[in-house]
C-alpha atoms as a PDB file:
ATOM      1  CA  MET A   1       0.019   0.071   0.017  1.00  0.00           C
ATOM      2  CA  ALA A   2       1.060   3.645  -0.444  1.00  0.00           C
ATOM      3  CA  PRO A   3       1.579   6.319   2.233  1.00  0.00           C
ATOM      4  CA  VAL A   4      -0.701   9.286   1.815  1.00  0.00           C
ATOM      5  CA  LEU A   5       1.047  12.642   1.472  1.00  0.00           C
ATOM      6  CA  ARG A   6      -0.457  16.000   2.374  1.00  0.00           C
ATOM      7  CA  ASP A   7       0.490  19.652   2.189  1.00  0.00           C
ATOM      8  CA  ASP A   8       0.560  20.184   5.939  1.00  0.00           C
ATOM      9  CA  GLU A   9       3.046  23.169   5.910  1.00  0.00           C
ATOM     10  CA  PRO A  10       2.143  26.698   4.742  1.00  0.00           C
ATOM     11  CA  SER A  11       5.107  26.611   2.437  1.00  0.00           C
ATOM     12  CA  GLY A  12       3.641  23.701   0.617  1.00  0.00           C
ATOM     13  CA  GLY A  13       6.188  21.217   1.860  1.00  0.00           C
ATOM     14  CA  ARG A  14       5.130  17.690   1.902  1.00  0.00           C
ATOM     15  CA  VAL A  15       4.863  15.529   5.039  1.00  0.00           C
ATOM     16  CA  GLU A  16       4.793  11.808   4.759  1.00  0.00           C
ATOM     17  CA  ARG A  17       2.101  10.065   6.809  1.00  0.00           C
ATOM     18  CA  THR A  18       2.348   6.650   8.329  1.00  0.00           C
ATOM     19  CA  SER A  19      -1.147   5.651   7.189  1.00  0.00           C
ATOM     20  CA  TYR A  20      -1.959   4.010   3.889  1.00  0.00           C
ATOM     21  CA  VAL A  21      -4.613   3.784   1.316  1.00  0.00           C
ATOM     22  CA  ARG A  22      -5.268   1.760  -1.811  1.00  0.00           C
ATOM     23  CA  PHE A  23      -7.561   2.763  -4.740  1.00  0.00           C
ATOM     24  CA  MET A  24     -10.393   0.746  -6.197  1.00  0.00           C
ATOM     25  CA  PHE A  25     -13.584   1.172  -8.180  1.00  0.00           C
ATOM     26  CA  GLU A  26     -16.599  -0.782  -9.146  1.00  0.00           C
ATOM     27  CA  TYR A  27     -16.851  -1.157 -12.924  1.00  0.00           C
ATOM     28  CA  PRO A  28     -20.115   0.269 -14.261  1.00  0.00           C
ATOM     29  CA  LEU A  29     -22.204  -1.436 -16.790  1.00  0.00           C
ATOM     30  CA  HIS A  30     -24.424   0.636 -19.085  1.00  0.00           C
ATOM     31  CA  SER A  31     -25.609  -1.520 -21.916  1.00  0.00           C
ATOM     32  CA  GLU A  32     -27.738   1.146 -23.580  1.00  0.00           C
ATOM     33  CA  LEU A  33     -25.082   3.932 -23.638  1.00  0.00           C
ATOM     34  CA  GLU A  34     -22.740   4.792 -26.479  1.00  0.00           C
ATOM     35  CA  GLY A  35     -23.728   1.727 -28.519  1.00  0.00           C
ATOM     36  CA  GLY A  36     -22.767  -0.678 -25.787  1.00  0.00           C
ATOM     37  CA  ALA A  37     -19.314   0.699 -25.277  1.00  0.00           C
ATOM     38  CA  TRP A  38     -19.412  -0.073 -21.515  1.00  0.00           C
ATOM     39  CA  ILE A  39     -20.165  -3.807 -22.116  1.00  0.00           C
ATOM     40  CA  ASP A  40     -17.799  -4.378 -24.988  1.00  0.00           C
ATOM     41  CA  PRO A  41     -15.403  -6.999 -23.730  1.00  0.00           C
ATOM     42  CA  VAL A  42     -12.507  -5.344 -25.591  1.00  0.00           C
ATOM     43  CA  ASN A  43     -13.368  -2.035 -23.806  1.00  0.00           C
ATOM     44  CA  ILE A  44     -13.808  -3.760 -20.379  1.00  0.00           C
ATOM     45  CA  ALA A  45     -10.367  -5.293 -20.631  1.00  0.00           C
ATOM     46  CA  GLU A  46      -8.867  -1.983 -21.826  1.00  0.00           C
ATOM     47  CA  PHE A  47     -10.514  -0.168 -18.901  1.00  0.00           C
ATOM     48  CA  ALA A  48      -9.045  -2.610 -16.428  1.00  0.00           C
ATOM     49  CA  ARG A  49      -5.470  -2.241 -17.996  1.00  0.00           C
ATOM     50  CA  VAL A  50      -5.705   1.593 -18.001  1.00  0.00           C
ATOM     51  CA  ALA A  51      -6.710   1.478 -14.273  1.00  0.00           C
ATOM     52  CA  GLU A  52      -3.788  -0.760 -13.520  1.00  0.00           C
ATOM     53  CA  ALA A  53      -1.418   1.472 -15.259  1.00  0.00           C
ATOM     54  CA  SER A  54      -2.824   4.483 -13.525  1.00  0.00           C
ATOM     55  CA  GLY A  55      -1.941   3.410 -10.013  1.00  0.00           C
ATOM     56  CA  ILE A  56      -5.302   1.878  -9.170  1.00  0.00           C
ATOM     57  CA  ASP A  57      -5.134  -1.225  -7.059  1.00  0.00           C
ATOM     58  CA  GLY A  58      -8.492  -2.963  -7.411  1.00  0.00           C
ATOM     59  CA  ILE A  59     -11.586  -3.475  -9.595  1.00  0.00           C
ATOM     60  CA  ALA A  60     -14.919  -4.724  -8.343  1.00  0.00           C
ATOM     61  CA  LEU A  61     -18.040  -6.315  -9.761  1.00  0.00           C
ATOM     62  CA  THR A  62     -21.305  -6.530  -7.845  1.00  0.00           C
ATOM     63  CA  ASP A  63     -23.882  -9.283  -7.559  1.00  0.00           C
ATOM     64  CA  HIS A  64     -27.683  -9.084  -8.644  1.00  0.00           C
ATOM     65  CA  PRO A  65     -28.571 -12.241 -10.597  1.00  0.00           C
ATOM     66  CA  ALA A  66     -32.439 -11.575 -10.594  1.00  0.00           C
ATOM     67  CA  PRO A  67     -33.169  -7.859  -9.730  1.00  0.00           C
ATOM     68  CA  SER A  68     -36.661  -6.375 -10.446  1.00  0.00           C
ATOM     69  CA  LYS A  69     -37.193  -3.989 -13.305  1.00  0.00           C
ATOM     70  CA  LYS A  70     -38.704  -1.602 -10.750  1.00  0.00           C
ATOM     71  CA  TRP A  71     -35.334  -1.596  -8.843  1.00  0.00           C
ATOM     72  CA  LEU A  72     -33.357  -1.083 -12.031  1.00  0.00           C
ATOM     73  CA  ASP A  73     -35.629   1.771 -13.106  1.00  0.00           C
ATOM     74  CA  HIS A  74     -35.301   3.567  -9.754  1.00  0.00           C
ATOM     75  CA  GLY A  75     -31.610   3.810  -9.221  1.00  0.00           C
ATOM     76  CA  GLY A  76     -30.533   0.150  -9.661  1.00  0.00           C
ATOM     77  CA  HIS A  77     -27.683  -0.831 -11.856  1.00  0.00           C
ATOM     78  CA  GLU A  78     -26.786  -3.558 -14.370  1.00  0.00           C
ATOM     79  CA  THR A  79     -24.469  -6.533 -13.454  1.00  0.00           C
ATOM     80  CA  LEU A  80     -22.517  -9.314 -14.697  1.00  0.00           C
ATOM     81  CA  ASP A  81     -22.164 -12.630 -12.993  1.00  0.00           C
ATOM     82  CA  PRO A  82     -19.259 -11.435 -10.691  1.00  0.00           C
ATOM     83  CA  PHE A  83     -17.174 -14.579 -10.785  1.00  0.00           C
ATOM     84  CA  VAL A  84     -17.230 -14.914 -14.579  1.00  0.00           C
ATOM     85  CA  GLY A  85     -16.529 -11.218 -14.886  1.00  0.00           C
ATOM     86  CA  LEU A  86     -13.635 -11.323 -12.491  1.00  0.00           C
ATOM     87  CA  GLY A  87     -12.170 -14.337 -14.127  1.00  0.00           C
ATOM     88  CA  TYR A  88     -12.194 -12.386 -17.393  1.00  0.00           C
ATOM     89  CA  LEU A  89     -10.571  -9.394 -15.757  1.00  0.00           C
ATOM     90  CA  ALA A  90      -7.954 -11.729 -14.292  1.00  0.00           C
ATOM     91  CA  ALA A  91      -6.822 -12.711 -17.753  1.00  0.00           C
ATOM     92  CA  ALA A  92      -6.679  -8.982 -18.802  1.00  0.00           C
ATOM     93  CA  THR A  93      -4.434  -7.761 -15.936  1.00  0.00           C
ATOM     94  CA  THR A  94      -1.438  -8.770 -13.904  1.00  0.00           C
ATOM     95  CA  SER A  95      -1.554  -6.997 -10.576  1.00  0.00           C
ATOM     96  CA  LEU A  96      -5.015  -5.528 -10.107  1.00  0.00           C
ATOM     97  CA  LYS A  97      -6.884  -7.019  -7.102  1.00  0.00           C
ATOM     98  CA  LEU A  98     -10.324  -8.492  -8.048  1.00  0.00           C
ATOM     99  CA  LEU A  99     -13.183  -7.871  -5.729  1.00  0.00           C
ATOM    100  CA  THR A 100     -16.775  -8.777  -5.337  1.00  0.00           C
ATOM    101  CA  SER A 101     -18.550  -5.663  -4.067  1.00  0.00           C
ATOM    102  CA  LEU A 102     -20.431  -7.444  -2.953  1.00  0.00           C
ATOM    103  CA  CYS A 103     -21.336 -11.131  -3.214  1.00  0.00           C
ATOM    104  CA  VAL A 104     -24.792 -11.928  -1.712  1.00  0.00           C
ATOM    105  CA  VAL A 105     -23.954 -15.104   0.014  1.00  0.00           C
ATOM    106  CA  PRO A 106     -27.511 -16.412   0.702  1.00  0.00           C
ATOM    107  CA  TYR A 107     -28.316 -16.550  -2.893  1.00  0.00           C
ATOM    108  CA  ARG A 108     -26.242 -19.621  -3.678  1.00  0.00           C
ATOM    109  CA  ASN A 109     -25.309 -22.992  -2.276  1.00  0.00           C
ATOM    110  CA  PRO A 110     -22.031 -22.341  -0.388  1.00  0.00           C
ATOM    111  CA  PHE A 111     -20.126 -25.186  -2.122  1.00  0.00           C
ATOM    112  CA  ILE A 112     -20.951 -23.536  -5.569  1.00  0.00           C
ATOM    113  CA  THR A 113     -19.818 -20.168  -4.134  1.00  0.00           C
ATOM    114  CA  ALA A 114     -16.610 -21.617  -2.748  1.00  0.00           C
ATOM    115  CA  LYS A 115     -15.871 -23.281  -6.109  1.00  0.00           C
ATOM    116  CA  ALA A 116     -16.487 -20.036  -8.020  1.00  0.00           C
ATOM    117  CA  MET A 117     -14.357 -18.075  -5.634  1.00  0.00           C
ATOM    118  CA  THR A 118     -11.568 -20.620  -5.838  1.00  0.00           C
ATOM    119  CA  ALA A 119     -11.610 -20.360  -9.653  1.00  0.00           C
ATOM    120  CA  VAL A 120     -11.112 -16.584  -9.505  1.00  0.00           C
ATOM    121  CA  ASP A 121      -8.312 -16.888  -7.020  1.00  0.00           C
ATOM    122  CA  VAL A 122      -6.491 -19.625  -8.900  1.00  0.00           C
ATOM    123  CA  LEU A 123      -6.851 -17.957 -12.341  1.00  0.00           C
ATOM    124  CA  SER A 124      -5.713 -14.622 -11.025  1.00  0.00           C
ATOM    125  CA  GLY A 125      -2.701 -16.012  -9.227  1.00  0.00           C
ATOM    126  CA  GLY A 126      -4.118 -15.090  -5.767  1.00  0.00           C
ATOM    127  CA  ARG A 127      -5.499 -11.622  -6.387  1.00  0.00           C
ATOM    128  CA  SER A 128      -9.004 -12.040  -5.232  1.00  0.00           C
ATOM    129  CA  ILE A 129     -10.842 -10.287  -2.335  1.00  0.00           C
ATOM    130  CA  PHE A 130     -14.444 -11.201  -1.606  1.00  0.00           C
ATOM    131  CA  VAL A 131     -16.711  -8.732   0.026  1.00  0.00           C
ATOM    132  CA  LEU A 132     -19.722 -10.569   1.339  1.00  0.00           C
ATOM    133  CA  GLY A 133     -23.257  -9.442   2.241  1.00  0.00           C
ATOM    134  CA  THR A 134     -26.659 -10.774   3.246  1.00  0.00           C
ATOM    135  CA  GLY A 135     -28.680  -8.913   0.636  1.00  0.00           C
ATOM    136  CA  TYR A 136     -31.678  -6.607   0.745  1.00  0.00           C
ATOM    137  CA  LEU A 137     -33.902  -7.064  -2.310  1.00  0.00           C
ATOM    138  CA  ARG A 138     -36.994  -9.117  -1.312  1.00  0.00           C
ATOM    139  CA  SER A 139     -38.101  -9.611  -4.886  1.00  0.00           C
ATOM    140  CA  GLU A 140     -34.700 -10.999  -5.842  1.00  0.00           C
ATOM    141  CA  PHE A 141     -34.842 -13.499  -2.909  1.00  0.00           C
ATOM    142  CA  ALA A 142     -38.198 -14.639  -4.066  1.00  0.00           C
ATOM    143  CA  ALA A 143     -37.096 -15.003  -7.685  1.00  0.00           C
ATOM    144  CA  LEU A 144     -34.198 -17.178  -6.518  1.00  0.00           C
ATOM    145  CA  GLY A 145     -36.348 -19.243  -4.141  1.00  0.00           C
ATOM    146  CA  VAL A 146     -34.443 -18.103  -1.049  1.00  0.00           C
ATOM    147  CA  ASP A 147     -36.236 -17.141   2.211  1.00  0.00           C
ATOM    148  CA  PHE A 148     -35.477 -13.448   2.848  1.00  0.00           C
ATOM    149  CA  ASP A 149     -36.295 -13.667   6.537  1.00  0.00           C
ATOM    150  CA  GLU A 150     -33.717 -16.346   7.013  1.00  0.00           C
ATOM    151  CA  ARG A 151     -30.908 -14.594   5.188  1.00  0.00           C
ATOM    152  CA  ASN A 152     -28.765 -14.042   8.314  1.00  0.00           C
ATOM    153  CA  GLU A 153     -28.921 -17.679   9.301  1.00  0.00           C
ATOM    154  CA  LEU A 154     -28.132 -18.737   5.693  1.00  0.00           C
ATOM    155  CA  PHE A 155     -25.305 -16.273   5.616  1.00  0.00           C
ATOM    156  CA  ASP A 156     -23.732 -17.629   8.788  1.00  0.00           C
ATOM    157  CA  GLU A 157     -24.020 -21.314   7.883  1.00  0.00           C
ATOM    158  CA  ALA A 158     -22.681 -20.617   4.314  1.00  0.00           C
ATOM    159  CA  VAL A 159     -19.672 -18.799   5.554  1.00  0.00           C
ATOM    160  CA  GLU A 160     -18.891 -21.690   7.839  1.00  0.00           C
ATOM    161  CA  VAL A 161     -19.121 -24.024   4.956  1.00  0.00           C
ATOM    162  CA  ILE A 162     -17.002 -21.855   2.585  1.00  0.00           C
ATOM    163  CA  ARG A 163     -14.290 -21.386   5.147  1.00  0.00           C
ATOM    164  CA  GLY A 164     -14.315 -25.018   6.186  1.00  0.00           C
ATOM    165  CA  VAL A 165     -14.127 -26.590   2.757  1.00  0.00           C
ATOM    166  CA  TRP A 166     -11.265 -24.296   1.896  1.00  0.00           C
ATOM    167  CA  THR A 167      -9.202 -25.417   4.916  1.00  0.00           C
ATOM    168  CA  THR A 168     -10.302 -28.916   5.627  1.00  0.00           C
ATOM    169  CA  ASP A 169      -9.932 -32.183   3.500  1.00  0.00           C
ATOM    170  CA  ASP A 170     -12.735 -34.620   3.935  1.00  0.00           C
ATOM    171  CA  PHE A 171     -14.957 -31.837   5.079  1.00  0.00           C
ATOM    172  CA  ALA A 172     -18.071 -32.648   6.988  1.00  0.00           C
ATOM    173  CA  TYR A 173     -20.795 -30.319   8.058  1.00  0.00           C
ATOM    174  CA  GLU A 174     -24.290 -30.773   9.679  1.00  0.00           C
ATOM    175  CA  GLY A 175     -26.341 -27.522   9.727  1.00  0.00           C
ATOM    176  CA  ARG A 176     -29.856 -26.492   9.383  1.00  0.00           C
ATOM    177  CA  HIS A 177     -29.608 -25.620   5.701  1.00  0.00           C
ATOM    178  CA  PHE A 178     -26.558 -27.539   4.505  1.00  0.00           C
ATOM    179  CA  GLN A 179     -25.151 -30.974   5.041  1.00  0.00           C
ATOM    180  CA  ALA A 180     -21.943 -32.381   3.785  1.00  0.00           C
ATOM    181  CA  TYR A 181     -20.041 -35.680   4.230  1.00  0.00           C
ATOM    182  CA  GLY A 182     -16.483 -36.022   3.179  1.00  0.00           C
ATOM    183  CA  VAL A 183     -16.273 -33.158   0.730  1.00  0.00           C
ATOM    184  CA  VAL A 184     -12.948 -32.077  -0.754  1.00  0.00           C
ATOM    185  CA  MET A 185     -12.153 -28.934  -2.790  1.00  0.00           C
ATOM    186  CA  ARG A 186      -9.296 -29.245  -5.278  1.00  0.00           C
ATOM    187  CA  PRO A 187      -7.597 -27.136  -6.317  1.00  0.00           C
ATOM    188  CA  ARG A 188      -7.520 -24.950  -3.305  1.00  0.00           C
ATOM    189  CA  PRO A 189      -7.250 -21.169  -3.421  1.00  0.00           C
ATOM    190  CA  VAL A 190      -3.788 -19.792  -3.965  1.00  0.00           C
ATOM    191  CA  GLN A 191      -4.038 -17.547  -1.015  1.00  0.00           C
ATOM    192  CA  ASP A 192      -3.446 -19.325   2.321  1.00  0.00           C
ATOM    193  CA  PRO A 193      -5.430 -20.210   4.175  1.00  0.00           C
ATOM    194  CA  HIS A 194      -8.088 -18.596   1.830  1.00  0.00           C
ATOM    195  CA  PRO A 195      -8.761 -15.340   0.062  1.00  0.00           C
ATOM    196  CA  PRO A 196      -9.600 -12.343   2.191  1.00  0.00           C
ATOM    197  CA  LEU A 197     -13.293 -12.212   3.236  1.00  0.00           C
ATOM    198  CA  TRP A 198     -14.600  -8.722   3.837  1.00  0.00           C
ATOM    199  CA  LEU A 199     -18.177  -7.756   4.899  1.00  0.00           C
ATOM    200  CA  GLY A 200     -20.414  -5.137   3.465  1.00  0.00           C
ATOM    201  CA  GLY A 201     -23.024  -3.127   5.311  1.00  0.00           C
ATOM    202  CA  ASN A 202     -23.441  -0.951   8.335  1.00  0.00           C
ATOM    203  CA  ALA A 203     -25.654  -2.976  10.743  1.00  0.00           C
ATOM    204  CA  ALA A 204     -24.262  -3.966  14.118  1.00  0.00           C
ATOM    205  CA  ILE A 205     -24.431  -7.620  13.176  1.00  0.00           C
ATOM    206  CA  VAL A 206     -22.217  -7.031  10.143  1.00  0.00           C
ATOM    207  CA  ARG A 207     -19.690  -5.081  12.294  1.00  0.00           C
ATOM    208  CA  ARG A 208     -19.656  -7.862  14.855  1.00  0.00           C
ATOM    209  CA  ARG A 209     -18.942 -10.411  12.115  1.00  0.00           C
ATOM    210  CA  VAL A 210     -16.086  -8.356  10.910  1.00  0.00           C
ATOM    211  CA  ALA A 211     -14.609  -8.158  14.382  1.00  0.00           C
ATOM    212  CA  GLN A 212     -15.118 -11.989  14.902  1.00  0.00           C
ATOM    213  CA  TRP A 213     -13.575 -13.311  11.642  1.00  0.00           C
ATOM    214  CA  GLY A 214     -13.589 -10.816   8.823  1.00  0.00           C
ATOM    215  CA  THR A 215     -10.478  -9.372   7.284  1.00  0.00           C
ATOM    216  CA  GLY A 216     -12.094  -6.167   6.038  1.00  0.00           C
ATOM    217  CA  TRP A 217     -15.179  -3.949   6.115  1.00  0.00           C
ATOM    218  CA  GLN A 218     -16.921  -2.047   3.308  1.00  0.00           C
ATOM    219  CA  PRO A 219     -19.673   0.225   4.773  1.00  0.00           C
ATOM    220  CA  LEU A 220     -22.439   1.363   2.615  1.00  0.00           C
ATOM    221  CA  LEU A 221     -22.286   5.185   2.379  1.00  0.00           C
ATOM    222  CA  GLY A 222     -24.903   7.536   0.947  1.00  0.00           C
ATOM    223  CA  ASP A 223     -28.010   9.480   1.678  1.00  0.00           C
ATOM    224  CA  PRO A 224     -30.977   8.263   3.740  1.00  0.00           C
ATOM    225  CA  THR A 225     -32.703   6.921   0.647  1.00  0.00           C
ATOM    226  CA  LEU A 226     -29.858   4.586  -0.105  1.00  0.00           C
ATOM    227  CA  ALA A 227     -29.867   3.490   3.585  1.00  0.00           C
ATOM    228  CA  ARG A 228     -33.641   2.770   3.396  1.00  0.00           C
ATOM    229  CA  THR A 229     -33.257   0.853   0.075  1.00  0.00           C
ATOM    230  CA  THR A 230     -30.355  -1.300   1.338  1.00  0.00           C
ATOM    231  CA  ARG A 231     -31.931  -1.891   4.761  1.00  0.00           C
ATOM    232  CA  THR A 232     -28.815  -0.683   6.656  1.00  0.00           C
ATOM    233  CA  PRO A 233     -28.252   2.091   9.252  1.00  0.00           C
ATOM    234  CA  LEU A 234     -27.184   5.397   7.875  1.00  0.00           C
ATOM    235  CA  ILE A 235     -23.662   6.610   8.479  1.00  0.00           C
ATOM    236  CA  GLU A 236     -23.946  10.382   8.275  1.00  0.00           C
ATOM    237  CA  ASN A 237     -20.353  11.733   8.213  1.00  0.00           C
ATOM    238  CA  ASP A 238     -16.683  10.929   8.330  1.00  0.00           C
ATOM    239  CA  GLU A 239     -16.609  11.319  12.140  1.00  0.00           C
ATOM    240  CA  GLN A 240     -19.328   8.622  12.604  1.00  0.00           C
ATOM    241  CA  LEU A 241     -17.400   6.397  10.118  1.00  0.00           C
ATOM    242  CA  GLY A 242     -14.279   6.796  12.202  1.00  0.00           C
ATOM    243  CA  GLU A 243     -16.232   5.949  15.387  1.00  0.00           C
ATOM    244  CA  ARG A 244     -17.533   2.724  13.711  1.00  0.00           C
ATOM    245  CA  ILE A 245     -14.031   1.745  12.575  1.00  0.00           C
ATOM    246  CA  ALA A 246     -12.698   2.356  16.106  1.00  0.00           C
ATOM    247  CA  GLU A 247     -15.537   0.323  17.510  1.00  0.00           C
ATOM    248  CA  ILE A 248     -14.793  -2.682  15.215  1.00  0.00           C
ATOM    249  CA  LYS A 249     -11.078  -2.479  16.165  1.00  0.00           C
ATOM    250  CA  GLY A 250     -11.973  -2.511  19.821  1.00  0.00           C
ATOM    251  CA  TRP A 251     -14.063  -5.630  19.445  1.00  0.00           C
ATOM    252  CA  MET A 252     -11.155  -7.246  17.500  1.00  0.00           C
ATOM    253  CA  ALA A 253      -8.773  -6.555  20.371  1.00  0.00           C
ATOM    254  CA  GLU A 254     -11.248  -8.048  22.839  1.00  0.00           C
ATOM    255  CA  ALA A 255     -11.463 -11.114  20.625  1.00  0.00           C
ATOM    256  CA  GLY A 256      -7.562 -11.455  20.609  1.00  0.00           C
ATOM    257  CA  ARG A 257      -7.285 -10.226  16.992  1.00  0.00           C
ATOM    258  CA  ASP A 258      -4.896  -7.655  15.621  1.00  0.00           C
ATOM    259  CA  PRO A 259      -6.923  -4.394  15.136  1.00  0.00           C
ATOM    260  CA  ASP A 260      -4.223  -3.101  12.789  1.00  0.00           C
ATOM    261  CA  SER A 261      -4.967  -5.919  10.360  1.00  0.00           C
ATOM    262  CA  LEU A 262      -8.436  -4.502   9.487  1.00  0.00           C
ATOM    263  CA  GLU A 263      -8.953  -3.311   5.967  1.00  0.00           C
ATOM    264  CA  VAL A 264     -11.651  -0.689   5.461  1.00  0.00           C
ATOM    265  CA  CYS A 265     -12.928   0.423   2.046  1.00  0.00           C
ATOM    266  CA  ALA A 266     -14.819   3.754   2.096  1.00  0.00           C
ATOM    267  CA  SER A 267     -14.862   7.212   0.469  1.00  0.00           C
ATOM    268  CA  SER A 268     -15.180  10.461   2.308  1.00  0.00           C
ATOM    269  CA  LEU A 269     -18.818  11.569   3.001  1.00  0.00           C
ATOM    270  CA  SER A 270     -17.682  15.129   2.831  1.00  0.00           C
ATOM    271  CA  ARG A 271     -15.860  14.830  -0.493  1.00  0.00           C
ATOM    272  CA  SER A 272     -16.472  17.635  -2.964  1.00  0.00           C
ATOM    273  CA  PRO A 273     -17.418  16.201  -6.372  1.00  0.00           C
ATOM    274  CA  ASN A 274     -15.228  18.815  -8.191  1.00  0.00           C
ATOM    275  CA  ALA A 275     -12.168  18.371  -5.939  1.00  0.00           C
ATOM    276  CA  GLY A 276      -8.831  19.111  -7.467  1.00  0.00           C
ATOM    277  CA  ALA A 277      -5.774  16.912  -6.964  1.00  0.00           C
ATOM    278  CA  GLU A 278      -4.473  18.583  -3.879  1.00  0.00           C
ATOM    279  CA  GLU A 279      -7.838  18.566  -2.219  1.00  0.00           C
ATOM    280  CA  ARG A 280      -8.290  14.985  -3.126  1.00  0.00           C
ATOM    281  CA  ILE A 281      -4.974  14.128  -1.457  1.00  0.00           C
ATOM    282  CA  ASP A 282      -6.002  16.040   1.622  1.00  0.00           C
ATOM    283  CA  GLN A 283      -9.194  14.071   1.791  1.00  0.00           C
ATOM    284  CA  LEU A 284      -7.201  10.853   1.375  1.00  0.00           C
ATOM    285  CA  GLY A 285      -5.044  11.865   4.363  1.00  0.00           C
ATOM    286  CA  ARG A 286      -8.110  12.382   6.537  1.00  0.00           C
ATOM    287  CA  LEU A 287      -9.541   9.094   5.541  1.00  0.00           C
ATOM    288  CA  ALA A 288      -6.303   7.304   6.403  1.00  0.00           C
ATOM    289  CA  GLU A 289      -6.355   8.982   9.831  1.00  0.00           C
ATOM    290  CA  ILE A 290      -9.695   7.396  10.761  1.00  0.00           C
ATOM    291  CA  GLY A 291      -8.565   3.952   9.659  1.00  0.00           C
ATOM    292  CA  VAL A 292      -9.619   3.744   5.952  1.00  0.00           C
ATOM    293  CA  THR A 293      -7.212   1.605   3.939  1.00  0.00           C
ATOM    294  CA  TRP A 294      -9.084   1.492   0.546  1.00  0.00           C
ATOM    295  CA  THR A 295     -11.018   4.151  -1.192  1.00  0.00           C
ATOM    296  CA  GLY A 296     -12.926   4.593  -4.360  1.00  0.00           C
ATOM    297  CA  VAL A 297     -11.600   6.450  -7.438  1.00  0.00           C
ATOM    298  CA  PRO A 298     -14.197   8.882  -8.979  1.00  0.00           C
ATOM    299  CA  PHE A 299     -14.633   9.067 -12.750  1.00  0.00           C
ATOM    300  CA  SER A 300     -17.207  10.216 -15.139  1.00  0.00           C
ATOM    301  CA  HIS A 301     -19.877   7.883 -16.383  1.00  0.00           C
ATOM    302  CA  ALA A 302     -21.037  10.337 -19.042  1.00  0.00           C
ATOM    303  CA  SER A 303     -18.762   8.714 -21.715  1.00  0.00           C
ATOM    304  CA  PHE A 304     -16.454   5.715 -21.855  1.00  0.00           C
ATOM    305  CA  GLY A 305     -13.642   7.806 -23.317  1.00  0.00           C
ATOM    306  CA  GLY A 306     -14.114  10.381 -20.625  1.00  0.00           C
ATOM    307  CA  ALA A 307     -13.900   7.841 -18.008  1.00  0.00           C
ATOM    308  CA  LEU A 308     -10.544   6.525 -19.318  1.00  0.00           C
ATOM    309  CA  ASP A 309      -9.262  10.119 -19.298  1.00  0.00           C
ATOM    310  CA  ASP A 310     -10.198  10.376 -15.613  1.00  0.00           C
ATOM    311  CA  LEU A 311      -8.323   7.175 -14.823  1.00  0.00           C
ATOM    312  CA  ARG A 312      -5.273   8.506 -16.679  1.00  0.00           C
ATOM    313  CA  ARG A 313      -5.603  11.808 -14.868  1.00  0.00           C
ATOM    314  CA  HIS A 314      -5.541   9.982 -11.536  1.00  0.00           C
ATOM    315  CA  GLY A 315      -2.370   8.254 -12.697  1.00  0.00           C
ATOM    316  CA  GLU A 316      -0.803  11.618 -13.507  1.00  0.00           C
ATOM    317  CA  GLU A 317      -2.152  13.834 -10.717  1.00  0.00           C
ATOM    318  CA  ILE A 318      -2.751  11.626  -7.810  1.00  0.00           C
ATOM    319  CA  ALA A 319      -0.752   8.371  -7.909  1.00  0.00           C
ATOM    320  CA  PRO A 320       2.669  10.111  -8.387  1.00  0.00           C
ATOM    321  CA  LYS A 321       2.068  12.128  -5.236  1.00  0.00           C
ATOM    322  CA  VAL A 322       1.190   9.011  -3.267  1.00  0.00           C
ATOM    323  CA  ALA A 323       4.578   7.267  -3.018  1.00  0.00           C
ATOM    324  CA  HIS A 324       4.571   3.533  -3.677  1.00  0.00           C
END
């Protein structure tokens, strides 16, 4: 990771901080814009390569296999199957981390999920990070034949299965929703003991899971409408975000885990949409101070070419001032 630098002196001298951030973004899919430029496989690969060359550390795909048209028409977004998409991006890049942001765990049998995750990790040479969530769209649960009201129980059992089959040969499990007798997974993931598992969402149960076994946290940040839609408590400002991070780290310490190992992926809630390079670097410094280790890279969605220009501008104006 790279230390964030800020202009803390009136003379403009640069002071190196001891905190770190990495950069990532969720690839946007717009099938009806610019003649399908955003879903052209050649363009998707090029976008990832430009991001990699511009000092960006990770690219993410999200997970909505059966969303409603109502949701899509009212602020939702298009998706690819995240595991297929990340496998494609693995072949197009060499160092970019590949993230689900996020994978809705209750939607799938956990052995199928573990196999798909393993494929991404193996084919990328160990570059995967999986952000996990319980989901929030009732209609999508119904379409997939999954009980919405049991999503937390399904999530907990599924994670036990995924972690277990990754680390145990002849794996056996007897749960309410899943049973297994003598299951083995070969090949195993490249990362040992398994790929990083982050959790997405703001609820106390999510933060407790992070403290108990997660390696990272991706809070959902936005306005009250987003909070209501995603059925998660609202985080209103950077100060509150910092309090939540400190709380998780405190719980980790109580559980005998290293709080400094926590990865947190978030952007500033006070960020100006038109911030210049120096203001952006200042924002990154403040995020790092409260414990954020990954943050999003803003770029225009108005045109595919314009987005590429924004990535290159990040590589010219931001990345060189954040020493690697």
